[in-house]
Amino acid sequence: MKDLMHTALNYLGIPNNEYAYLAAVILVILFTSLVIHWLLHKVVMGLLRANAKSAEQLWKRSFYKNRLFTRVALTLQGLIIFMQARLWLDADDSALPVIAVITSLWVLLYGLLSVYSLLDTLEDISNTNPAGRRLPLRGIFQSIKLIGATVAIIFALALLIGKSPVILFSGLGAMTAILLLVFKDPILGLVAGIQLSANKMLAVGDWLEMPKYGADGEVTDINLTTVKVRNWDKTITTIPTYALIADSFKNWRGMAEAGGRRIKRAINIDATSVHFLSEEDVMRLRKAKLLTDYIEQKAREITDYNTQHQVDTSFPVNGRRLTNLGTFRAYLTAYIKANPHIHLGMTHMVRQLSPSAEGIPIEVYAFTNNTEWLAYENIQSDIFDHIFAVLAEFDLRIYQAPSGYDMRQIITGSTQSH
């Protein structure tokens, strides 16, 4: 090949010296590189671009979106320039080391960027899989990128100073303390990401609640150093990844996976409104479809008990009797059980809590079969709307502290009486 170049120079009448030969070689390399660049980026990349845009497979579109083919092509161009230089120039030529260093740096740079594009493509593909979304791959890939960049910088420095990279790698041992200090957050984030993944503690899409950092919303990103949470008020909270290992947090994923969201709310009954049911009350409440079976069963039990123990029922405190509060609680239990939006496979009950100065708390404890926030709130509100409306049928009253309107009514009534 060298003889061919010398013959071409003589034929063109160009002085056949070292500088003319070097200039001719550089022109040939540049021309060849431009031709290869045109073939790769216009022809080959044009075909790949058309195929990627029309492809149904995500990986093909992701390869193009992350510029993997473009960066691989540029890496290949650097290798071709290096091979051409070795082909046209002698080993002792002073220009060969310069071209070798430049092309090596070129290949190192675009080779590293190609690895970055491949990792980004793998991340895009994993995000389409539910199992992949639960793995902190972004943090792991960012760690790989950081390590790759560090290794590439060491090789680049070795090329520039003309020393073996082994010498630079051996020097890293003495810089361990400094490196640990500089890369403390990435190292802690990497370890935390692995622990979060291995223990299935957190994944993108989970509902995270961490009051210490003001986080209450959906996890949108888990990377090497931070976790991003989009709160329900649409603000973004950023949490250090290692803080999720060092501190406690609440993950609501179990609620979504179980398919039931808890209702745990109480209403306070005015204790002065509780009384025994009269015969008229029993006959009236018996008409309620949800109470018919309960009242008939309880009526038989009470009659049998009072008869067996010869109870004098003329005095209300003797024997057993139905109360409006107990019957109301039975009604709510039947109502919750009959509600189509309640998850019957989970605990559901209506219970009486310890009385306080605010009355007698009656708590509804159940799980909705829809875990979406809007649907859950609607179901819960509908249940308590019904509870407030039906209380009067049992002659019960909600405990409510006197308002300013109540106080004005009392004062007005007192004034009018005088």
Protein backbone atom coordinates (compact mmCIF):
# COMPACT_ATOMS: atom_id res chain seq x y z
CA MET A 1 0.00 0.00 0.00
CA LYS A 2 2.85 2.37 0.76
CA ASP A 3 4.44 1.66 -2.61
CA LEU A 4 1.11 2.37 -4.27
CA MET A 5 0.96 5.77 -2.57
CA HIS A 6 4.51 6.61 -3.64
CA THR A 7 3.70 5.59 -7.23
CA ALA A 8 0.56 7.79 -7.21
CA LEU A 9 2.56 10.79 -5.99
CA ASN A 10 5.18 10.35 -8.69
CA TYR A 11 2.50 9.97 -11.31
CA LEU A 12 0.82 13.22 -10.22
CA GLY A 13 4.14 15.03 -10.26
CA ILE A 14 4.04 15.77 -6.52
CA PRO A 15 7.40 15.81 -4.74
CA ASN A 16 7.74 12.41 -3.12
CA ASN A 17 9.00 13.43 0.32
CA GLU A 18 7.95 12.71 3.89
CA TYR A 19 5.62 15.71 4.26
CA ALA A 20 3.89 15.19 0.91
CA TYR A 21 3.38 11.52 1.73
CA LEU A 22 1.91 12.38 5.16
CA ALA A 23 -0.41 14.98 3.68
CA ALA A 24 -1.58 12.52 1.03
CA VAL A 25 -2.20 9.85 3.68
CA ILE A 26 -4.26 12.28 5.80
CA LEU A 27 -6.30 13.28 2.75
CA VAL A 28 -6.96 9.62 1.92
CA ILE A 29 -7.96 8.90 5.51
CA LEU A 30 -10.28 11.93 5.63
CA PHE A 31 -11.85 11.05 2.28
CA THR A 32 -12.38 7.42 3.29
CA SER A 33 -13.79 8.51 6.63
CA LEU A 34 -16.26 10.86 4.95
CA VAL A 35 -17.41 8.15 2.57
CA ILE A 36 -17.85 5.66 5.42
CA HIS A 37 -19.61 8.31 7.49
CA TRP A 38 -22.05 8.96 4.65
CA LEU A 39 -22.68 5.24 4.12
CA LEU A 40 -23.23 4.57 7.82
CA HIS A 41 -25.28 7.63 8.79
CA LYS A 42 -27.24 8.26 5.62
CA VAL A 43 -27.75 4.81 4.12
CA VAL A 44 -27.46 2.28 6.94
CA MET A 45 -28.85 4.54 9.67
CA GLY A 46 -31.64 5.68 7.33
CA LEU A 47 -32.76 2.08 6.89
CA LEU A 48 -32.51 1.38 10.62
CA ARG A 49 -34.42 4.59 11.40
CA ALA A 50 -37.27 3.65 9.07
CA ASN A 51 -37.37 0.13 10.49
CA ALA A 52 -37.36 1.40 14.09
CA LYS A 53 -40.15 3.93 13.54
CA SER A 54 -42.44 1.34 11.97
CA ALA A 55 -41.49 -1.48 14.35
CA GLU A 56 -43.93 -2.74 16.95
CA GLN A 57 -41.16 -4.07 19.15
CA LEU A 58 -40.21 -1.65 21.89
CA TRP A 59 -36.55 -2.62 21.87
CA LYS A 60 -36.13 -1.53 18.26
CA ARG A 61 -37.69 1.87 18.93
CA SER A 62 -35.68 2.20 22.13
CA PHE A 63 -32.40 1.45 20.32
CA TYR A 64 -33.10 4.31 17.94
CA LYS A 65 -34.39 6.69 20.61
CA ASN A 66 -31.30 6.23 22.77
CA ARG A 67 -29.00 6.72 19.74
CA LEU A 68 -27.32 3.34 20.19
CA PHE A 69 -26.79 2.76 16.46
CA THR A 70 -25.39 6.26 15.94
CA ARG A 71 -22.85 5.91 18.73
CA VAL A 72 -21.80 2.43 17.63
CA ALA A 73 -21.30 3.77 14.11
CA LEU A 74 -19.09 6.60 15.42
CA THR A 75 -17.09 4.08 17.45
CA LEU A 76 -16.63 1.98 14.32
CA GLN A 77 -15.46 5.05 12.39
CA GLY A 78 -12.73 5.67 14.95
CA LEU A 79 -11.54 2.08 14.62
CA ILE A 80 -11.48 2.41 10.83
CA ILE A 81 -9.38 5.60 10.99
CA PHE A 82 -6.94 3.88 13.35
CA MET A 83 -6.67 0.86 11.05
CA GLN A 84 -6.08 3.10 8.04
CA ALA A 85 -3.31 4.95 9.87
CA ARG A 86 -1.61 1.65 10.71
CA LEU A 87 -2.01 0.60 7.09
CA TRP A 88 -0.48 3.70 5.46
CA LEU A 89 2.09 4.80 8.03
CA ASP A 90 5.21 3.07 9.30
CA ALA A 91 5.53 2.11 12.94
CA ASP A 92 8.32 4.62 13.44
CA ASP A 93 6.42 7.46 11.80
CA SER A 94 6.02 10.39 14.22
CA ALA A 95 2.44 11.05 13.10
CA LEU A 96 1.22 7.53 13.92
CA PRO A 97 1.27 7.90 17.76
CA VAL A 98 -0.65 11.18 17.51
CA ILE A 99 -3.33 9.66 15.29
CA ALA A 100 -3.40 6.54 17.51
CA VAL A 101 -3.99 8.59 20.67
CA ILE A 102 -6.72 10.74 19.07
CA THR A 103 -8.55 7.75 17.58
CA SER A 104 -8.17 5.76 20.83
CA LEU A 105 -9.72 8.62 22.78
CA TRP A 106 -12.48 8.82 20.15
CA VAL A 107 -13.20 5.08 20.40
CA LEU A 108 -13.06 5.23 24.20
CA LEU A 109 -15.57 8.11 24.32
CA TYR A 110 -18.11 6.72 21.88
CA GLY A 111 -17.65 3.18 23.16
CA LEU A 112 -18.59 4.44 26.64
CA LEU A 113 -21.57 6.36 25.22
CA SER A 114 -22.65 3.19 23.38
CA VAL A 115 -22.66 1.31 26.68
CA TYR A 116 -24.73 4.15 28.18
CA SER A 117 -27.24 3.86 25.32
CA LEU A 118 -27.45 0.09 25.80
CA LEU A 119 -28.14 0.51 29.52
CA ASP A 120 -30.81 3.15 28.80
CA THR A 121 -32.43 0.75 26.33
CA LEU A 122 -32.42 -2.07 28.88
CA GLU A 123 -34.02 0.30 31.39
CA ASP A 124 -36.77 1.26 28.91
CA ILE A 125 -37.48 -2.40 28.18
CA SER A 126 -37.54 -3.32 31.89
CA ASN A 127 -40.04 -0.51 32.60
CA THR A 128 -42.59 -2.26 30.38
CA ASN A 129 -42.50 -5.31 32.64
CA PRO A 130 -44.17 -5.16 36.09
CA ALA A 131 -41.38 -7.25 37.59
CA GLY A 132 -38.75 -5.02 36.00
CA ARG A 133 -40.39 -1.86 37.31
CA ARG A 134 -40.02 -3.14 40.86
CA LEU A 135 -36.24 -3.44 40.52
CA PRO A 136 -34.09 -0.35 41.17
CA LEU A 137 -32.38 -0.81 37.80
CA ARG A 138 -31.84 2.91 37.32
CA GLY A 139 -29.63 3.09 40.39
CA ILE A 140 -27.71 -0.03 39.34
CA PHE A 141 -27.26 1.24 35.78
CA GLN A 142 -26.13 4.63 37.06
CA SER A 143 -23.55 2.84 39.20
CA ILE A 144 -22.32 0.95 36.14
CA LYS A 145 -22.15 4.25 34.23
CA LEU A 146 -20.15 5.85 37.03
CA ILE A 147 -17.72 2.94 37.17
CA GLY A 148 -17.43 2.93 33.37
CA ALA A 149 -16.73 6.66 33.29
CA THR A 150 -14.05 6.26 35.97
CA VAL A 151 -12.34 3.45 34.08
CA ALA A 152 -12.56 5.40 30.79
CA ILE A 153 -10.98 8.49 32.40
CA ILE A 154 -8.12 6.37 33.74
CA PHE A 155 -7.50 4.83 30.31
CA ALA A 156 -7.69 8.28 28.69
CA LEU A 157 -5.12 9.69 31.14
CA ALA A 158 -2.88 6.68 30.53
CA LEU A 159 -3.06 7.34 26.78
CA LEU A 160 -2.26 11.03 27.19
CA ILE A 161 0.72 10.56 29.50
CA GLY A 162 1.96 7.44 27.73
CA LYS A 163 1.91 5.23 30.83
CA SER A 164 0.31 1.89 31.53
CA PRO A 165 -3.20 2.17 33.07
CA VAL A 166 -2.09 -0.45 35.62
CA ILE A 167 0.02 2.23 37.29
CA LEU A 168 -2.99 4.52 37.63
CA PHE A 169 -5.20 1.70 38.90
CA SER A 170 -2.61 0.79 41.51
CA GLY A 171 -2.64 4.41 42.66
CA LEU A 172 -6.34 4.18 43.41
CA GLY A 173 -5.58 2.15 46.51
CA ALA A 174 -3.88 5.11 48.11
CA MET A 175 -6.83 7.33 47.18
CA THR A 176 -9.48 4.99 48.60
CA ALA A 177 -10.35 7.25 51.54
CA ILE A 178 -10.69 10.29 49.25
CA LEU A 179 -12.79 8.33 46.75
CA LEU A 180 -15.06 7.06 49.51
CA LEU A 181 -15.57 10.63 50.70
CA VAL A 182 -16.22 12.00 47.19
CA PHE A 183 -18.50 9.16 46.13
CA LYS A 184 -20.15 8.62 49.52
CA ASP A 185 -23.70 9.31 48.31
CA PRO A 186 -23.46 7.14 45.16
CA ILE A 187 -22.00 4.25 47.16
CA LEU A 188 -24.65 4.52 49.87
CA GLY A 189 -27.32 4.87 47.18
CA LEU A 190 -26.09 1.76 45.38
CA VAL A 191 -26.13 -0.30 48.58
CA ALA A 192 -29.56 1.07 49.51
CA GLY A 193 -30.93 0.34 46.03
CA ILE A 194 -29.77 -3.27 46.23
CA GLN A 195 -31.33 -3.66 49.67
CA LEU A 196 -34.60 -2.07 48.53
CA SER A 197 -34.71 -4.46 45.57
CA ALA A 198 -33.64 -7.60 47.42
CA ASN A 199 -36.16 -7.04 50.21
CA LYS A 200 -38.88 -5.76 47.85
CA MET A 201 -39.27 -2.69 50.02
CA LEU A 202 -39.96 -0.07 47.35
CA ALA A 203 -40.58 0.22 43.61
CA VAL A 204 -41.58 2.86 41.11
CA GLY A 205 -45.36 3.37 41.28
CA ASP A 206 -45.65 2.57 45.00
CA TRP A 207 -47.46 4.91 47.36
CA LEU A 208 -44.80 6.11 49.82
CA GLU A 209 -45.52 7.97 53.05
CA MET A 210 -42.52 9.45 54.89
CA PRO A 211 -43.55 12.38 57.14
CA LYS A 212 -39.96 13.18 58.11
CA TYR A 213 -39.29 14.34 54.54
CA GLY A 214 -42.81 15.60 53.82
CA ALA A 215 -43.39 12.79 51.31
CA ASP A 216 -46.87 11.40 50.73
CA GLY A 217 -47.50 10.26 47.19
CA GLU A 218 -46.38 8.07 44.30
CA VAL A 219 -42.76 7.09 43.72
CA THR A 220 -41.83 8.27 40.22
CA ASP A 221 -38.10 7.60 40.12
CA ILE A 222 -35.48 5.61 42.02
CA ASN A 223 -31.94 6.47 40.98
CA LEU A 224 -28.47 6.18 42.40
CA THR A 225 -28.66 9.00 44.94
CA THR A 226 -32.31 10.09 45.24
CA VAL A 227 -35.88 8.86 45.22
CA LYS A 228 -38.49 11.21 43.73
CA VAL A 229 -42.01 11.22 45.13
CA ARG A 230 -44.87 13.07 43.44
CA ASN A 231 -47.10 14.09 46.34
CA TRP A 232 -50.87 14.17 46.02
CA ASP A 233 -50.75 17.97 45.91
CA LYS A 234 -48.54 17.59 42.77
CA THR A 235 -45.38 18.80 44.52
CA ILE A 236 -42.18 16.78 44.21
CA THR A 237 -40.25 15.54 47.24
CA THR A 238 -36.69 14.28 46.82
CA ILE A 239 -35.41 11.78 49.39
CA PRO A 240 -31.83 10.45 49.64
CA THR A 241 -31.90 6.79 48.66
CA TYR A 242 -29.94 5.69 51.70
CA ALA A 243 -32.50 7.45 53.96
CA LEU A 244 -35.03 4.77 53.04
CA ILE A 245 -32.75 2.25 54.72
CA ALA A 246 -31.74 4.42 57.67
CA ASP A 247 -35.26 5.72 58.46
CA SER A 248 -38.71 4.16 58.53
CA PHE A 249 -41.38 4.78 55.91
CA LYS A 250 -44.81 3.44 55.02
CA ASN A 251 -45.39 1.68 51.70
CA TRP A 252 -49.04 1.31 50.72
CA ARG A 253 -48.31 -1.32 48.06
CA GLY A 254 -49.72 -4.08 50.28
CA MET A 255 -53.07 -2.31 50.32
CA ALA A 256 -53.20 -2.19 46.52
CA GLU A 257 -52.08 -5.81 46.15
CA ALA A 258 -54.62 -7.02 48.72
CA GLY A 259 -57.43 -5.30 46.83
CA GLY A 260 -58.99 -3.66 49.88
CA ARG A 261 -58.66 -0.21 51.43
CA ARG A 262 -59.58 0.27 55.08
CA ILE A 263 -62.43 2.34 56.43
CA LYS A 264 -61.92 3.13 60.11
CA ARG A 265 -64.15 5.98 61.19
CA ALA A 266 -66.38 6.52 64.20
CA ILE A 267 -69.41 8.63 64.99
CA ASN A 268 -70.19 9.81 68.53
CA ILE A 269 -73.68 9.05 69.82
CA ASP A 270 -75.24 11.27 72.45
CA ALA A 271 -75.47 8.99 75.50
CA THR A 272 -78.75 10.60 76.63
CA SER A 273 -80.48 9.32 73.50
CA VAL A 274 -79.88 5.64 74.33
CA HIS A 275 -82.91 3.76 75.66
CA PHE A 276 -84.78 0.47 75.61
CA LEU A 277 -87.03 -0.24 72.63
CA SER A 278 -90.74 -0.30 73.27
CA GLU A 279 -93.07 -2.81 71.59
CA GLU A 280 -94.09 -0.12 69.13
CA ASP A 281 -90.44 0.57 68.30
CA VAL A 282 -89.77 -3.14 67.76
CA MET A 283 -92.78 -3.49 65.44
CA ARG A 284 -91.71 -0.43 63.46
CA LEU A 285 -88.06 -1.46 63.10
CA ARG A 286 -89.09 -5.02 62.19
CA LYS A 287 -90.18 -3.59 58.82
CA ALA A 288 -86.58 -2.77 57.97
CA LYS A 289 -85.39 -5.50 55.65
CA LEU A 290 -81.91 -5.62 57.13
CA LEU A 291 -83.29 -5.92 60.68
CA THR A 292 -86.09 -8.47 60.25
CA ASP A 293 -83.98 -11.58 60.90
CA TYR A 294 -82.04 -9.93 63.71
CA ILE A 295 -85.14 -8.72 65.59
CA GLU A 296 -86.95 -12.05 65.22
CA GLN A 297 -83.93 -13.96 66.48
CA LYS A 298 -83.32 -11.58 69.36
CA ALA A 299 -87.04 -11.53 70.26
CA ARG A 300 -87.02 -15.33 70.60
CA GLU A 301 -83.84 -15.30 72.67
CA ILE A 302 -85.16 -12.57 74.98
CA THR A 303 -88.57 -14.22 75.39
CA ASP A 304 -86.98 -17.60 76.15
CA TYR A 305 -84.56 -16.06 78.64
CA ASN A 306 -87.17 -14.00 80.46
CA THR A 307 -89.59 -16.95 80.60
CA GLN A 308 -86.93 -19.35 81.82
CA HIS A 309 -85.85 -16.97 84.57
CA GLN A 310 -89.40 -15.84 85.38
CA VAL A 311 -88.52 -12.19 84.85
CA ASP A 312 -91.02 -9.49 85.75
CA THR A 313 -91.06 -7.52 82.51
CA SER A 314 -93.28 -4.79 83.91
CA PHE A 315 -90.17 -3.04 85.17
CA PRO A 316 -87.77 -2.17 82.30
CA VAL A 317 -84.53 -2.97 84.14
CA ASN A 318 -85.54 -6.57 84.74
CA GLY A 319 -84.46 -9.26 82.29
CA ARG A 320 -83.22 -8.67 78.79
CA ARG A 321 -84.50 -6.07 76.34
CA LEU A 322 -83.54 -4.62 73.01
CA THR A 323 -81.89 -1.20 73.00
CA ASN A 324 -81.95 1.31 70.21
CA LEU A 325 -78.13 1.52 70.23
CA GLY A 326 -77.62 -2.26 70.00
CA THR A 327 -80.24 -2.54 67.27
CA PHE A 328 -78.61 0.34 65.40
CA ARG A 329 -75.25 -1.42 65.60
CA ALA A 330 -76.83 -4.62 64.27
CA TYR A 331 -78.40 -2.66 61.45
CA LEU A 332 -75.07 -1.10 60.48
CA THR A 333 -73.40 -4.54 60.55
CA ALA A 334 -76.02 -5.90 58.15
CA TYR A 335 -75.80 -2.74 56.02
CA ILE A 336 -72.01 -3.03 55.69
CA LYS A 337 -72.28 -6.71 54.84
CA ALA A 338 -74.89 -6.04 52.15
CA ASN A 339 -72.94 -3.15 50.61
CA PRO A 340 -71.56 -4.27 47.20
CA HIS A 341 -68.51 -2.04 47.60
CA ILE A 342 -67.26 -3.72 50.77
CA HIS A 343 -64.62 -6.46 50.55
CA LEU A 344 -66.28 -9.32 52.45
CA GLY A 345 -63.10 -11.39 52.40
CA MET A 346 -61.53 -8.95 54.87
CA THR A 347 -62.48 -7.94 58.41
CA HIS A 348 -65.70 -5.96 58.59
CA MET A 349 -67.53 -5.00 61.75
CA VAL A 350 -69.27 -2.22 63.65
CA ARG A 351 -68.00 -1.86 67.18
CA GLN A 352 -68.59 0.29 70.23
CA LEU A 353 -65.54 2.05 71.64
CA SER A 354 -64.99 3.37 75.15
CA PRO A 355 -67.39 6.22 76.02
CA SER A 356 -65.89 9.64 76.57
CA ALA A 357 -67.00 13.20 77.27
CA GLU A 358 -67.89 13.44 73.57
CA GLY A 359 -70.40 10.55 73.72
CA ILE A 360 -70.38 6.88 72.74
CA PRO A 361 -68.17 6.18 69.69
CA ILE A 362 -69.61 3.70 67.17
CA GLU A 363 -66.86 2.74 64.74
CA VAL A 364 -67.23 1.27 61.26
CA TYR A 365 -64.28 -0.97 60.46
CA ALA A 366 -64.27 -2.45 56.97
CA PHE A 367 -62.36 -2.58 53.66
CA THR A 368 -63.60 -1.30 50.32
CA ASN A 369 -63.09 -3.53 47.30
CA ASN A 370 -61.81 -0.57 45.28
CA THR A 371 -58.46 0.90 46.33
CA GLU A 372 -58.52 3.96 44.07
CA TRP A 373 -58.56 7.14 46.10
CA LEU A 374 -61.58 8.82 44.49
CA ALA A 375 -63.70 5.67 44.52
CA TYR A 376 -62.69 4.91 48.10
CA GLU A 377 -63.67 8.38 49.34
CA ASN A 378 -67.02 8.18 47.55
CA ILE A 379 -67.82 4.77 49.04
CA GLN A 380 -66.86 5.92 52.53
CA SER A 381 -68.88 9.13 52.22
CA ASP A 382 -71.96 7.26 50.95
CA ILE A 383 -71.84 4.92 53.93
CA PHE A 384 -71.66 7.73 56.47
CA ASP A 385 -74.27 9.80 54.63
CA HIS A 386 -76.63 6.89 55.15
CA ILE A 387 -75.60 6.49 58.80
CA PHE A 388 -76.32 10.15 59.60
CA ALA A 389 -79.67 9.99 57.83
CA VAL A 390 -80.86 6.76 59.46
CA LEU A 391 -79.97 7.65 63.06
CA ALA A 392 -83.31 9.37 63.64
CA GLU A 393 -85.16 6.12 62.90
CA PHE A 394 -83.54 4.67 66.03
CA ASP A 395 -84.20 7.77 68.16
CA LEU A 396 -80.47 8.35 68.44
CA ARG A 397 -78.66 11.65 68.24
CA ILE A 398 -75.16 12.57 67.17
CA TYR A 399 -73.09 14.24 69.87
CA GLN A 400 -72.22 17.75 68.78
CA ALA A 401 -70.68 20.54 70.84
CA PRO A 402 -72.92 23.61 71.06
CA SER A 403 -72.24 26.06 68.26
CA GLY A 404 -72.59 29.82 68.31
CA TYR A 405 -76.02 29.40 66.71
CA ASP A 406 -77.11 27.09 69.55
CA MET A 407 -75.95 29.55 72.16
CA ARG A 408 -77.83 32.41 70.47
CA GLN A 409 -80.97 30.27 70.39
CA ILE A 410 -80.65 29.55 74.12
CA ILE A 411 -80.14 33.23 74.93
CA THR A 412 -83.05 34.25 72.67
CA GLY A 413 -85.34 31.66 74.21
CA SER A 414 -84.40 32.73 77.72
CA THR A 415 -85.01 36.39 76.90
CA GLN A 416 -88.41 35.70 75.35
CA SER A 417 -89.51 33.65 78.37
CA HIS A 418 -88.89 36.68 80.57
